Amino acid sequence: MSLKILVVDDSKLIRQVIRQNIESLSVLPQDIIEAIDGVDGVRKMSATKDGFNLIITDLQMPNMDGIEFIKRIRTLRNFKDARVVAISGQLSEQSVGTLERMGVMDFVKKPFDLHKFMTTIKPIIKELKGQDDGDDSKLELRSEFIKSFQNRSPKLELFDGILELKFDNMRCKITLDNFLKSAIFEK
């Protein structure tokens, strides 16, 4: 199942960190949309007819804060059932109660703790994808992929920042950024 994820935060750095870590969970870059505040988030949601499965939003933002943003999206037909994760530096019992009444059950407290974020987000993404842990099957696929490399060269394609390695019976997609980060360059 393909996921559609909206990340709403006024900090470009936080959006980038969230994006990179979600991509590490086998989510394609084109399935992650970013918005700079609640107003931008509502605009991007209105422009998407298929809806979003997951929305990750900061609560303290200019123009439209996260609580108002969540209220607005809950009124939209395509988005009222989307899973929402709230990120905030000020999560009081009152604000948590308000958010829970709005259907938000997942929270990450700032300062942004990457481990806490991944602990929160990883099971949500697996659930939305309909996956169990699947680590054994991933290891088996990786092993099969490595054997394919040993026997023949893959066909390579680069499109929209995604490098795709194709064999007859399987393919692997990796973002060009991740590929370049782990590549060893020599002269």
C-alpha atoms as a PDB file:
ATOM      1  CA  MET A   1       0.000   0.000   0.000  1.00  0.00           C
ATOM      2  CA  SER A   2       1.274   3.442  -0.876  1.00  0.00           C
ATOM      3  CA  LEU A   3       1.237   5.993   1.918  1.00  0.00           C
ATOM      4  CA  LYS A   4       0.628   9.699   1.624  1.00  0.00           C
ATOM      5  CA  ILE A   5       2.172  11.672   4.462  1.00  0.00           C
ATOM      6  CA  LEU A   6       1.904  15.394   5.198  1.00  0.00           C
ATOM      7  CA  VAL A   7       4.568  17.018   7.399  1.00  0.00           C
ATOM      8  CA  VAL A   8       3.547  20.442   8.735  1.00  0.00           C
ATOM      9  CA  ASP A   9       6.203  22.431  10.600  1.00  0.00           C
ATOM     10  CA  ASP A  10       7.538  25.969  10.291  1.00  0.00           C
ATOM     11  CA  SER A  11      11.096  24.710  10.843  1.00  0.00           C
ATOM     12  CA  LYS A  12      12.730  23.577   7.607  1.00  0.00           C
ATOM     13  CA  LEU A  13      15.320  21.621   9.604  1.00  0.00           C
ATOM     14  CA  ILE A  14      12.650  19.669  11.516  1.00  0.00           C
ATOM     15  CA  ARG A  15      10.792  18.921   8.249  1.00  0.00           C
ATOM     16  CA  GLN A  16      14.034  17.615   6.693  1.00  0.00           C
ATOM     17  CA  VAL A  17      14.835  15.424   9.713  1.00  0.00           C
ATOM     18  CA  ILE A  18      11.295  14.015   9.711  1.00  0.00           C
ATOM     19  CA  ARG A  19      11.413  13.386   5.948  1.00  0.00           C
ATOM     20  CA  GLN A  20      14.781  11.599   6.033  1.00  0.00           C
ATOM     21  CA  ASN A  21      13.733   9.361   8.898  1.00  0.00           C
ATOM     22  CA  ILE A  22      10.375   8.483   7.350  1.00  0.00           C
ATOM     23  CA  GLU A  23      12.169   7.648   4.088  1.00  0.00           C
ATOM     24  CA  SER A  24      14.388   5.265   6.088  1.00  0.00           C
ATOM     25  CA  LEU A  25      11.184   3.276   6.787  1.00  0.00           C
ATOM     26  CA  SER A  26      10.783   2.480   3.065  1.00  0.00           C
ATOM     27  CA  VAL A  27       8.494   5.404   2.287  1.00  0.00           C
ATOM     28  CA  LEU A  28       9.128   6.954  -1.121  1.00  0.00           C
ATOM     29  CA  PRO A  29      10.107  10.647  -1.167  1.00  0.00           C
ATOM     30  CA  GLN A  30       7.229  11.553  -3.485  1.00  0.00           C
ATOM     31  CA  ASP A  31       4.778  10.193  -0.881  1.00  0.00           C
ATOM     32  CA  ILE A  32       5.866  12.835   1.657  1.00  0.00           C
ATOM     33  CA  ILE A  33       4.495  16.356   1.224  1.00  0.00           C
ATOM     34  CA  GLU A  34       5.755  19.279   3.316  1.00  0.00           C
ATOM     35  CA  ALA A  35       3.877  22.367   4.490  1.00  0.00           C
ATOM     36  CA  ILE A  36       5.376  25.385   6.268  1.00  0.00           C
ATOM     37  CA  ASP A  37       2.372  26.108   8.533  1.00  0.00           C
ATOM     38  CA  GLY A  38      -1.289  25.248   9.041  1.00  0.00           C
ATOM     39  CA  VAL A  39      -2.481  27.532   6.228  1.00  0.00           C
ATOM     40  CA  ASP A  40      -0.082  25.868   3.778  1.00  0.00           C
ATOM     41  CA  GLY A  41      -1.105  22.454   5.147  1.00  0.00           C
ATOM     42  CA  VAL A  42      -4.820  23.104   4.521  1.00  0.00           C
ATOM     43  CA  ARG A  43      -3.974  24.370   1.021  1.00  0.00           C
ATOM     44  CA  LYS A  44      -1.940  21.236   0.209  1.00  0.00           C
ATOM     45  CA  MET A  45      -4.629  18.975   1.633  1.00  0.00           C
ATOM     46  CA  SER A  46      -7.309  20.691  -0.429  1.00  0.00           C
ATOM     47  CA  ALA A  47      -5.216  20.177  -3.567  1.00  0.00           C
ATOM     48  CA  THR A  48      -4.928  16.414  -2.936  1.00  0.00           C
ATOM     49  CA  LYS A  49      -7.970  14.367  -3.887  1.00  0.00           C
ATOM     50  CA  ASP A  50      -6.677  11.009  -2.586  1.00  0.00           C
ATOM     51  CA  GLY A  51      -6.113  12.302   0.946  1.00  0.00           C
ATOM     52  CA  PHE A  52      -3.359  11.572   3.430  1.00  0.00           C
ATOM     53  CA  ASN A  53      -2.933   8.518   5.640  1.00  0.00           C
ATOM     54  CA  LEU A  54      -0.683  10.287   8.131  1.00  0.00           C
ATOM     55  CA  ILE A  55      -0.258  13.911   9.162  1.00  0.00           C
ATOM     56  CA  ILE A  56       2.634  15.004  11.366  1.00  0.00           C
ATOM     57  CA  THR A  57       2.154  18.531  12.634  1.00  0.00           C
ATOM     58  CA  ASP A  58       3.841  20.976  14.941  1.00  0.00           C
ATOM     59  CA  LEU A  59       1.434  22.773  17.276  1.00  0.00           C
ATOM     60  CA  GLN A  60       3.241  26.131  17.583  1.00  0.00           C
ATOM     61  CA  MET A  61       3.365  27.717  14.123  1.00  0.00           C
ATOM     62  CA  PRO A  62       2.721  31.180  12.678  1.00  0.00           C
ATOM     63  CA  ASN A  63      -0.397  32.004  10.617  1.00  0.00           C
ATOM     64  CA  MET A  64      -2.366  28.947  11.802  1.00  0.00           C
ATOM     65  CA  ASP A  65      -1.333  26.870  14.782  1.00  0.00           C
ATOM     66  CA  GLY A  66      -1.517  23.089  14.876  1.00  0.00           C
ATOM     67  CA  ILE A  67      -4.727  22.872  16.915  1.00  0.00           C
ATOM     68  CA  GLU A  68      -6.627  25.103  14.472  1.00  0.00           C
ATOM     69  CA  PHE A  69      -5.073  23.159  11.583  1.00  0.00           C
ATOM     70  CA  ILE A  70      -6.282  19.841  13.048  1.00  0.00           C
ATOM     71  CA  LYS A  71      -9.785  21.292  13.613  1.00  0.00           C
ATOM     72  CA  ARG A  72      -9.907  22.367   9.976  1.00  0.00           C
ATOM     73  CA  ILE A  73      -8.714  19.061   8.536  1.00  0.00           C
ATOM     74  CA  ARG A  74     -11.206  17.101  10.626  1.00  0.00           C
ATOM     75  CA  THR A  75     -13.983  18.895   8.714  1.00  0.00           C
ATOM     76  CA  LEU A  76     -12.613  17.876   5.305  1.00  0.00           C
ATOM     77  CA  ARG A  77     -14.221  14.741   3.866  1.00  0.00           C
ATOM     78  CA  ASN A  78     -10.986  13.087   2.670  1.00  0.00           C
ATOM     79  CA  PHE A  79      -9.021  13.827   5.815  1.00  0.00           C
ATOM     80  CA  LYS A  80     -11.214  13.274   8.842  1.00  0.00           C
ATOM     81  CA  ASP A  81      -9.877   9.725   9.334  1.00  0.00           C
ATOM     82  CA  ALA A  82      -6.189  10.539   8.814  1.00  0.00           C
ATOM     83  CA  ARG A  83      -3.834   9.523  11.611  1.00  0.00           C
ATOM     84  CA  VAL A  84      -2.320  12.634  13.227  1.00  0.00           C
ATOM     85  CA  VAL A  85       0.905  12.913  15.220  1.00  0.00           C
ATOM     86  CA  ALA A  86       1.321  16.197  17.137  1.00  0.00           C
ATOM     87  CA  ILE A  87       4.751  17.666  17.882  1.00  0.00           C
ATOM     88  CA  SER A  88       5.070  20.351  20.546  1.00  0.00           C
ATOM     89  CA  GLY A  89       7.360  21.824  23.141  1.00  0.00           C
ATOM     90  CA  GLN A  90       4.390  22.619  25.380  1.00  0.00           C
ATOM     91  CA  LEU A  91       2.155  19.599  25.855  1.00  0.00           C
ATOM     92  CA  SER A  92       0.068  20.345  28.930  1.00  0.00           C
ATOM     93  CA  GLU A  93      -2.603  17.979  30.259  1.00  0.00           C
ATOM     94  CA  GLN A  94      -5.212  20.408  28.928  1.00  0.00           C
ATOM     95  CA  SER A  95      -3.735  20.550  25.400  1.00  0.00           C
ATOM     96  CA  VAL A  96      -3.295  16.754  25.328  1.00  0.00           C
ATOM     97  CA  GLY A  97      -6.930  16.353  26.404  1.00  0.00           C
ATOM     98  CA  THR A  98      -8.088  18.758  23.678  1.00  0.00           C
ATOM     99  CA  LEU A  99      -6.042  16.917  21.057  1.00  0.00           C
ATOM    100  CA  GLU A 100      -7.263  13.487  22.198  1.00  0.00           C
ATOM    101  CA  ARG A 101     -10.882  14.686  21.838  1.00  0.00           C
ATOM    102  CA  MET A 102      -9.922  15.682  18.273  1.00  0.00           C
ATOM    103  CA  GLY A 103      -8.655  12.146  17.595  1.00  0.00           C
ATOM    104  CA  VAL A 104      -4.918  12.782  18.081  1.00  0.00           C
ATOM    105  CA  MET A 105      -3.418   9.943  20.100  1.00  0.00           C
ATOM    106  CA  ASP A 106       0.277  10.196  19.199  1.00  0.00           C
ATOM    107  CA  PHE A 107       2.562  12.942  20.529  1.00  0.00           C
ATOM    108  CA  VAL A 108       6.249  13.847  20.288  1.00  0.00           C
ATOM    109  CA  LYS A 109       7.576  16.460  22.698  1.00  0.00           C
ATOM    110  CA  LYS A 110      10.141  19.095  21.710  1.00  0.00           C
ATOM    111  CA  PRO A 111      13.022  19.605  21.933  1.00  0.00           C
ATOM    112  CA  PHE A 112      12.809  17.175  19.058  1.00  0.00           C
ATOM    113  CA  ASP A 113      14.000  13.746  20.185  1.00  0.00           C
ATOM    114  CA  LEU A 114      14.703  11.617  17.123  1.00  0.00           C
ATOM    115  CA  HIS A 115      14.613   8.333  19.058  1.00  0.00           C
ATOM    116  CA  LYS A 116      11.209   9.203  20.565  1.00  0.00           C
ATOM    117  CA  PHE A 117       9.946  10.282  17.146  1.00  0.00           C
ATOM    118  CA  MET A 118      11.018   7.018  15.499  1.00  0.00           C
ATOM    119  CA  THR A 119       9.618   4.966  18.398  1.00  0.00           C
ATOM    120  CA  THR A 120       6.281   6.722  17.840  1.00  0.00           C
ATOM    121  CA  ILE A 121       6.226   6.796  14.044  1.00  0.00           C
ATOM    122  CA  LYS A 122       7.610   3.368  13.076  1.00  0.00           C
ATOM    123  CA  PRO A 123       4.638   1.296  14.349  1.00  0.00           C
ATOM    124  CA  ILE A 124       2.172   3.790  12.851  1.00  0.00           C
ATOM    125  CA  ILE A 125       3.735   3.493   9.402  1.00  0.00           C
ATOM    126  CA  LYS A 126       3.846  -0.305   9.664  1.00  0.00           C
ATOM    127  CA  GLU A 127       0.190  -0.347  10.689  1.00  0.00           C
ATOM    128  CA  LEU A 128      -0.824   1.969   7.843  1.00  0.00           C
ATOM    129  CA  LYS A 129       1.110  -0.166   5.370  1.00  0.00           C
ATOM    130  CA  GLY A 130      -0.530  -3.300   6.794  1.00  0.00           C
ATOM    131  CA  GLN A 131       2.844  -4.813   7.672  1.00  0.00           C
ATOM    132  CA  ASP A 132       4.036  -6.884  10.534  1.00  0.00           C
ATOM    133  CA  ASP A 133       7.659  -6.592  11.547  1.00  0.00           C
ATOM    134  CA  GLY A 134       8.724  -8.403   8.368  1.00  0.00           C
ATOM    135  CA  ASP A 135      12.450  -8.308   9.176  1.00  0.00           C
ATOM    136  CA  ASP A 136      12.943 -11.955   8.082  1.00  0.00           C
ATOM    137  CA  SER A 137      11.324 -11.346   4.712  1.00  0.00           C
ATOM    138  CA  LYS A 138      13.429  -8.185   4.241  1.00  0.00           C
ATOM    139  CA  LEU A 139      16.606 -10.146   4.960  1.00  0.00           C
ATOM    140  CA  GLU A 140      15.520 -12.811   2.481  1.00  0.00           C
ATOM    141  CA  LEU A 141      14.819 -10.183  -0.207  1.00  0.00           C
ATOM    142  CA  ARG A 142      18.166  -8.482   0.430  1.00  0.00           C
ATOM    143  CA  SER A 143      19.945 -11.809   0.146  1.00  0.00           C
ATOM    144  CA  GLU A 144      18.161 -12.572  -3.140  1.00  0.00           C
ATOM    145  CA  PHE A 145      19.008  -9.105  -4.419  1.00  0.00           C
ATOM    146  CA  ILE A 146      22.708  -9.559  -3.596  1.00  0.00           C
ATOM    147  CA  LYS A 147      22.720 -12.910  -5.434  1.00  0.00           C
ATOM    148  CA  SER A 148      21.195 -11.182  -8.469  1.00  0.00           C
ATOM    149  CA  PHE A 149      24.039  -8.660  -8.392  1.00  0.00           C
ATOM    150  CA  GLN A 150      26.591 -11.465  -8.354  1.00  0.00           C
ATOM    151  CA  ASN A 151      25.044 -13.087 -11.433  1.00  0.00           C
ATOM    152  CA  ARG A 152      24.303 -10.071 -13.637  1.00  0.00           C
ATOM    153  CA  SER A 153      24.207  -6.267 -13.743  1.00  0.00           C
ATOM    154  CA  PRO A 154      20.964  -4.426 -13.085  1.00  0.00           C
ATOM    155  CA  LYS A 155      19.370  -1.905 -15.371  1.00  0.00           C
ATOM    156  CA  LEU A 156      19.702   1.531 -13.749  1.00  0.00           C
ATOM    157  CA  GLU A 157      17.184   4.343 -14.039  1.00  0.00           C
ATOM    158  CA  LEU A 158      17.160   7.743 -12.367  1.00  0.00           C
ATOM    159  CA  PHE A 159      13.895   9.637 -12.165  1.00  0.00           C
ATOM    160  CA  ASP A 160      12.872  12.489  -9.888  1.00  0.00           C
ATOM    161  CA  GLY A 161      15.680  11.851  -7.385  1.00  0.00           C
ATOM    162  CA  ILE A 162      15.011   8.088  -7.168  1.00  0.00           C
ATOM    163  CA  LEU A 163      17.622   5.618  -8.376  1.00  0.00           C
ATOM    164  CA  GLU A 164      16.002   2.345  -9.417  1.00  0.00           C
ATOM    165  CA  LEU A 165      17.973  -0.881  -9.912  1.00  0.00           C
ATOM    166  CA  LYS A 166      15.989  -3.397 -11.959  1.00  0.00           C
ATOM    167  CA  PHE A 167      16.457  -7.107 -12.528  1.00  0.00           C
ATOM    168  CA  ASP A 168      13.991  -9.357 -14.360  1.00  0.00           C
ATOM    169  CA  ASN A 169      12.125 -10.405 -11.226  1.00  0.00           C
ATOM    170  CA  MET A 170      12.851  -7.624  -8.720  1.00  0.00           C
ATOM    171  CA  ARG A 171      13.814  -4.021  -8.283  1.00  0.00           C
ATOM    172  CA  CYS A 172      15.234  -1.754  -5.612  1.00  0.00           C
ATOM    173  CA  LYS A 173      14.529   1.963  -5.217  1.00  0.00           C
ATOM    174  CA  ILE A 174      16.762   4.300  -3.271  1.00  0.00           C
ATOM    175  CA  THR A 175      16.787   8.063  -3.054  1.00  0.00           C
ATOM    176  CA  LEU A 176      19.758   9.575  -4.804  1.00  0.00           C
ATOM    177  CA  ASP A 177      20.560  11.496  -1.605  1.00  0.00           C
ATOM    178  CA  ASN A 178      20.758   8.259   0.441  1.00  0.00           C
ATOM    179  CA  PHE A 179      22.785   6.565  -2.284  1.00  0.00           C
ATOM    180  CA  LEU A 180      25.289   9.430  -2.378  1.00  0.00           C
ATOM    181  CA  LYS A 181      25.541   9.520   1.436  1.00  0.00           C
ATOM    182  CA  SER A 182      26.606   5.872   1.584  1.00  0.00           C
ATOM    183  CA  ALA A 183      28.642   5.754  -1.635  1.00  0.00           C
ATOM    184  CA  ILE A 184      32.433   5.459  -1.543  1.00  0.00           C
ATOM    185  CA  PHE A 185      34.044   7.794  -4.043  1.00  0.00           C
ATOM    186  CA  GLU A 186      37.527   7.151  -5.435  1.00  0.00           C
ATOM    187  CA  LYS A 187      39.701   8.785  -8.088  1.00  0.00           C
END
